[in-house]
């Protein structure tokens, strides 16, 4: 597999200093990319043309996520706010948490949105007039839904992973060894079930390892060494491959079994 550069953009602030990119979301039909940079959201088309700069947040934007049909996307950040936008880039709803928003994830089957902050998580959908919030005792770092939309998981800085139902009730907690090496910063459910009909969760931690779990909390397959501190993991190509990004400042490609394929800048 070979990657080809299509376009690139240098993101600068008012003082001409390079801006950090915290998250990127691709519209499901591939027609638009939303980039979280500084306190702004930047919308580009697939040819690299800047369509619009959105200024709904008052502080750094950490995360952005598209709904399954691409009609909405959500953003959240250090200002403790979650904003729901239309695909025409109009803000239609805003709600808040008590802490900075760490991660957002739309249900792949419904329009339900999971928003995770440092000390709680919320569940919102167009059918609800309010957001149901649930407190947690340890900082959440990220979240992901199963491909059938029945479960979502969030992972905590202490290494524990919680599996929750659509109403927020905890179904299972995966306990992992404590310490900085167990800190989990990236988890992603495979977009397809395995040959046994189960969901597989890819987990990367600061022990510099990649491991896999099923919905029963059992570790499956081999644990793989990475050689760097990972910050994000995601599946692509219908679950056949994984991309892991981290402190090595590269995107690393792996098979779904965790076999290393190559690195890209």
Protein backbone atom coordinates (compact mmCIF):
# COMPACT_ATOMS: atom_id res chain seq x y z
CA UNK A 1 0.00 0.00 0.00
CA UNK A 2 1.34 3.41 -0.97
CA UNK A 3 0.15 6.84 0.16
CA UNK A 4 0.08 9.82 -2.23
CA UNK A 5 0.02 13.46 -1.10
CA UNK A 6 -3.06 15.18 -2.57
CA UNK A 7 -2.77 18.56 -0.86
CA UNK A 8 -1.40 20.19 2.27
CA UNK A 9 -2.05 23.43 4.15
CA UNK A 10 0.06 25.41 6.59
CA UNK A 11 -2.12 26.68 9.42
CA UNK A 12 -0.94 29.94 11.02
CA UNK A 13 -2.30 32.18 13.76
CA UNK A 14 -2.48 35.99 13.67
CA UNK A 15 1.20 36.18 14.59
CA UNK A 16 2.15 33.87 11.70
CA UNK A 17 3.03 31.03 14.08
CA UNK A 18 2.14 27.46 13.18
CA UNK A 19 -1.06 26.20 14.78
CA UNK A 20 -1.43 22.78 16.36
CA UNK A 21 -4.06 20.51 14.77
CA UNK A 22 -5.93 18.57 17.47
CA UNK A 23 -8.44 16.68 15.35
CA UNK A 24 -9.67 16.11 11.78
CA UNK A 25 -13.03 14.77 10.59
CA UNK A 26 -13.84 13.66 7.05
CA UNK A 27 -17.43 13.95 5.86
CA UNK A 28 -18.76 10.43 5.13
CA UNK A 29 -19.16 11.14 1.41
CA UNK A 30 -15.57 12.37 1.25
CA UNK A 31 -16.49 15.86 0.03
CA UNK A 32 -15.27 17.93 2.98
CA UNK A 33 -12.69 17.90 5.77
CA UNK A 34 -13.14 19.73 9.09
CA UNK A 35 -9.92 20.61 10.93
CA UNK A 36 -9.74 21.69 14.58
CA UNK A 37 -6.95 24.28 14.78
CA UNK A 38 -6.62 26.78 17.62
CA UNK A 39 -10.06 28.13 18.53
CA UNK A 40 -11.34 27.71 14.98
CA UNK A 41 -12.80 25.01 12.77
CA UNK A 42 -11.51 25.09 9.21
CA UNK A 43 -13.61 23.51 6.46
CA UNK A 44 -11.74 22.39 3.31
CA UNK A 45 -12.92 20.64 0.18
CA UNK A 46 -11.04 17.60 -1.10
CA UNK A 47 -8.92 19.76 -3.42
CA UNK A 48 -7.56 21.80 -0.52
CA UNK A 49 -9.74 24.90 -0.97
CA UNK A 50 -10.69 26.62 2.29
CA UNK A 51 -14.49 26.78 2.30
CA UNK A 52 -15.07 28.51 5.61
CA UNK A 53 -13.52 29.34 8.98
CA UNK A 54 -15.93 28.76 11.88
CA UNK A 55 -15.51 30.77 15.08
CA UNK A 56 -18.07 29.37 17.52
CA UNK A 57 -15.56 28.46 20.27
CA UNK A 58 -13.79 30.86 22.64
CA UNK A 59 -10.83 28.56 23.34
CA UNK A 60 -8.87 25.70 21.75
CA UNK A 61 -10.98 23.14 19.87
CA UNK A 62 -9.88 19.61 20.76
CA UNK A 63 -12.27 17.37 18.84
CA UNK A 64 -14.68 17.18 15.92
CA UNK A 65 -16.94 14.38 14.64
CA UNK A 66 -19.39 13.89 11.72
CA UNK A 67 -22.77 12.17 12.00
CA UNK A 68 -23.32 9.00 9.95
CA UNK A 69 -25.27 10.79 7.19
CA UNK A 70 -22.94 13.80 7.07
CA UNK A 71 -25.80 16.22 7.75
CA UNK A 72 -24.30 17.32 11.08
CA UNK A 73 -20.94 17.55 12.77
CA UNK A 74 -20.04 18.38 16.35
CA UNK A 75 -17.08 20.20 17.91
CA UNK A 76 -15.84 20.53 21.49
CA UNK A 77 -12.90 22.02 23.31
CA UNK A 78 -11.27 23.84 26.19
CA UNK A 79 -14.19 26.27 26.56
CA UNK A 80 -16.27 23.33 27.89
CA UNK A 81 -18.73 23.75 25.03
CA UNK A 82 -20.12 21.29 22.49
CA UNK A 83 -21.51 22.84 19.30
CA UNK A 84 -23.68 21.01 16.78
CA UNK A 85 -23.28 22.30 13.21
CA UNK A 86 -25.16 21.54 10.00
CA UNK A 87 -23.31 20.41 6.88
CA UNK A 88 -23.89 23.98 5.62
CA UNK A 89 -21.70 25.08 8.57
CA UNK A 90 -24.46 26.71 10.59
CA UNK A 91 -24.37 26.29 14.39
CA UNK A 92 -27.76 25.00 15.55
CA UNK A 93 -27.19 23.85 19.15
CA UNK A 94 -24.78 24.43 22.00
CA UNK A 95 -24.46 22.66 25.35
CA UNK A 96 -21.82 22.65 28.05
CA UNK A 97 -19.90 20.35 30.39
CA UNK A 98 -18.15 21.25 33.64
CA UNK A 99 -14.71 20.58 32.13
CA UNK A 100 -12.89 20.71 28.79
CA UNK A 101 -14.26 18.38 26.11
CA UNK A 102 -11.80 15.57 25.35
CA UNK A 103 -13.55 13.52 22.68
CA UNK A 104 -16.70 13.31 20.53
CA UNK A 105 -18.16 10.34 18.69
CA UNK A 106 -21.40 9.98 16.71
CA UNK A 107 -23.28 6.69 16.84
CA UNK A 108 -22.73 5.01 13.41
CA UNK A 109 -26.37 3.87 13.28
CA UNK A 110 -28.34 6.73 14.87
CA UNK A 111 -27.74 10.47 15.34
CA UNK A 112 -26.81 10.02 19.02
CA UNK A 113 -23.67 11.89 20.06
CA UNK A 114 -21.34 10.91 22.89
CA UNK A 115 -19.37 13.83 24.31
CA UNK A 116 -16.64 13.11 26.84
CA UNK A 117 -15.09 15.69 29.18
CA UNK A 118 -12.49 15.41 31.92
CA UNK A 119 -14.98 14.43 34.63
CA UNK A 120 -18.18 13.33 32.87
CA UNK A 121 -19.71 12.24 29.58
CA UNK A 122 -22.94 13.23 27.88
CA UNK A 123 -25.35 11.62 25.41
CA UNK A 124 -27.34 13.83 23.01
CA UNK A 125 -29.67 13.10 20.11
CA UNK A 126 -32.04 15.22 17.99
CA UNK A 127 -34.98 13.44 19.61
CA UNK A 128 -34.00 14.57 23.12
CA UNK A 129 -34.55 18.06 24.44
CA UNK A 130 -31.78 17.66 27.01
CA UNK A 131 -28.39 16.00 27.38
CA UNK A 132 -28.05 13.08 29.80
CA UNK A 133 -24.76 13.42 31.70
CA UNK A 134 -22.89 10.89 33.80
CA UNK A 135 -20.05 11.64 36.22
CA UNK A 136 -16.75 9.75 36.22
CA UNK A 137 -13.93 9.84 38.76
CA UNK A 138 -10.97 9.77 36.37
CA UNK A 139 -10.22 11.84 33.26
CA UNK A 140 -11.64 10.47 30.01
CA UNK A 141 -9.27 10.61 27.06
CA UNK A 142 -11.38 9.36 24.12
CA UNK A 143 -14.44 7.34 23.06
CA UNK A 144 -15.75 5.09 20.26
CA UNK A 145 -18.99 3.26 19.25
CA UNK A 146 -19.38 -0.33 18.08
CA UNK A 147 -20.41 -0.67 14.43
CA UNK A 148 -24.00 -1.64 15.38
CA UNK A 149 -24.37 1.44 17.60
CA UNK A 150 -25.36 -0.63 20.65
CA UNK A 151 -22.26 0.06 22.79
CA UNK A 152 -19.76 2.81 23.17
CA UNK A 153 -16.57 2.75 25.15
CA UNK A 154 -14.49 5.46 26.73
CA UNK A 155 -11.04 5.08 28.13
CA UNK A 156 -9.60 6.66 31.24
CA UNK A 157 -6.17 8.07 31.97
CA UNK A 158 -5.68 5.35 34.61
CA UNK A 159 -5.86 2.65 31.93
CA UNK A 160 -9.41 1.38 32.60
CA UNK A 161 -11.87 1.04 29.71
CA UNK A 162 -15.63 1.32 30.28
CA UNK A 163 -18.24 -0.20 27.94
CA UNK A 164 -21.60 1.57 28.07
CA UNK A 165 -25.06 1.07 26.60
CA UNK A 166 -26.88 3.72 24.58
CA UNK A 167 -28.52 5.08 27.75
CA UNK A 168 -25.14 5.45 29.49
CA UNK A 169 -25.36 2.43 31.82
CA UNK A 170 -22.08 0.58 32.34
CA UNK A 171 -22.04 -2.96 30.89
CA UNK A 172 -18.42 -3.84 31.55
CA UNK A 173 -15.19 -2.34 32.82
CA UNK A 174 -11.84 -3.60 31.56
CA UNK A 175 -9.26 -3.22 34.32
CA UNK A 176 -5.65 -2.77 33.28
CA UNK A 177 -2.43 -2.38 35.32
CA UNK A 178 -1.94 1.08 36.85
CA UNK A 179 0.83 3.62 36.30
CA UNK A 180 1.77 5.93 33.45
CA UNK A 181 2.56 2.98 31.18
CA UNK A 182 -1.11 1.93 31.27
CA UNK A 183 -2.46 5.33 30.25
CA UNK A 184 -4.77 4.78 27.28
CA UNK A 185 -4.95 7.62 24.74
CA UNK A 186 -6.41 5.79 21.79
CA UNK A 187 -9.18 3.19 21.38
CA UNK A 188 -11.27 2.35 18.34
CA UNK A 189 -13.89 -0.31 17.61
CA UNK A 190 -13.49 -2.13 14.32
CA UNK A 191 -16.10 -1.06 11.72
CA UNK A 192 -16.89 -4.75 11.07
CA UNK A 193 -17.38 -7.79 13.31
CA UNK A 194 -14.81 -10.58 13.39
CA UNK A 195 -15.33 -14.12 12.07
CA UNK A 196 -17.00 -15.07 15.37
CA UNK A 197 -19.52 -12.25 15.06
CA UNK A 198 -17.93 -10.22 17.88
CA UNK A 199 -16.77 -6.62 18.03
CA UNK A 200 -13.03 -5.99 18.36
CA UNK A 201 -11.59 -3.01 20.21
CA UNK A 202 -8.08 -1.77 19.35
CA UNK A 203 -6.27 -0.18 22.31
CA UNK A 204 -2.98 1.76 22.36
CA UNK A 205 -1.31 2.82 25.61
CA UNK A 206 1.80 4.54 26.95
CA UNK A 207 3.36 1.20 27.63
CA UNK A 208 3.93 1.57 23.86
CA UNK A 209 1.72 -1.40 23.06
CA UNK A 210 -1.20 -2.22 20.77
CA UNK A 211 -3.70 -4.76 22.07
CA UNK A 212 -7.19 -6.01 21.20
CA UNK A 213 -10.28 -6.82 23.29
CA UNK A 214 -13.76 -8.20 22.61
CA UNK A 215 -17.07 -7.13 24.18
CA UNK A 216 -16.57 -9.64 27.01
CA UNK A 217 -13.43 -7.77 28.07
CA UNK A 218 -11.19 -10.64 27.01
CA UNK A 219 -7.90 -9.81 25.30
CA UNK A 220 -7.72 -11.40 21.85
CA UNK A 221 -4.79 -11.88 19.50
CA UNK A 222 -1.22 -10.86 20.27
CA UNK A 223 -0.11 -7.72 22.06
CA UNK A 224 2.25 -5.75 19.82
CA UNK A 225 5.09 -3.40 20.74
CA UNK A 226 5.03 0.01 19.04
CA UNK A 227 8.31 1.69 20.02
CA UNK A 228 6.67 5.10 20.63
CA UNK A 229 3.94 6.66 22.81
CA UNK A 230 0.68 6.45 20.80
CA UNK A 231 -1.96 9.21 20.89
CA UNK A 232 -4.61 8.02 18.42
CA UNK A 233 -5.66 4.81 16.66
CA UNK A 234 -8.26 4.40 13.92
CA UNK A 235 -9.41 1.68 11.53
CA UNK A 236 -9.80 2.18 7.79
CA UNK A 237 -10.32 0.19 4.58
CA UNK A 238 -13.33 -1.62 6.11
CA UNK A 239 -11.38 -2.70 9.17
CA UNK A 240 -8.47 -4.31 7.34
CA UNK A 241 -5.87 -1.81 8.55
CA UNK A 242 -5.06 0.45 11.50
CA UNK A 243 -3.35 3.84 11.56
CA UNK A 244 -1.61 4.86 14.80
CA UNK A 245 -0.26 8.36 15.41
CA UNK A 246 1.96 9.37 18.31
CA UNK A 247 5.02 11.06 19.73
CA UNK A 248 7.21 9.80 16.88
CA UNK A 249 5.44 12.46 14.77
CA UNK A 250 4.46 9.91 12.14
CA UNK A 251 1.43 7.90 11.06
CA UNK A 252 2.17 4.17 11.33
CA UNK A 253 0.23 1.58 9.34
CA UNK A 254 -0.66 -1.86 10.75
CA UNK A 255 -2.81 -4.77 9.68
CA UNK A 256 -5.92 -5.56 11.72
CA UNK A 257 -3.86 -8.20 13.56
CA UNK A 258 -1.32 -5.54 14.56
CA UNK A 259 1.45 -6.42 12.09
CA UNK A 260 3.52 -3.34 11.20
CA UNK A 261 3.38 -2.33 7.52
CA UNK A 262 5.12 1.05 7.27
CA UNK A 263 5.40 4.65 8.51
CA UNK A 264 4.43 7.89 6.81
CA UNK A 265 5.29 11.48 7.71
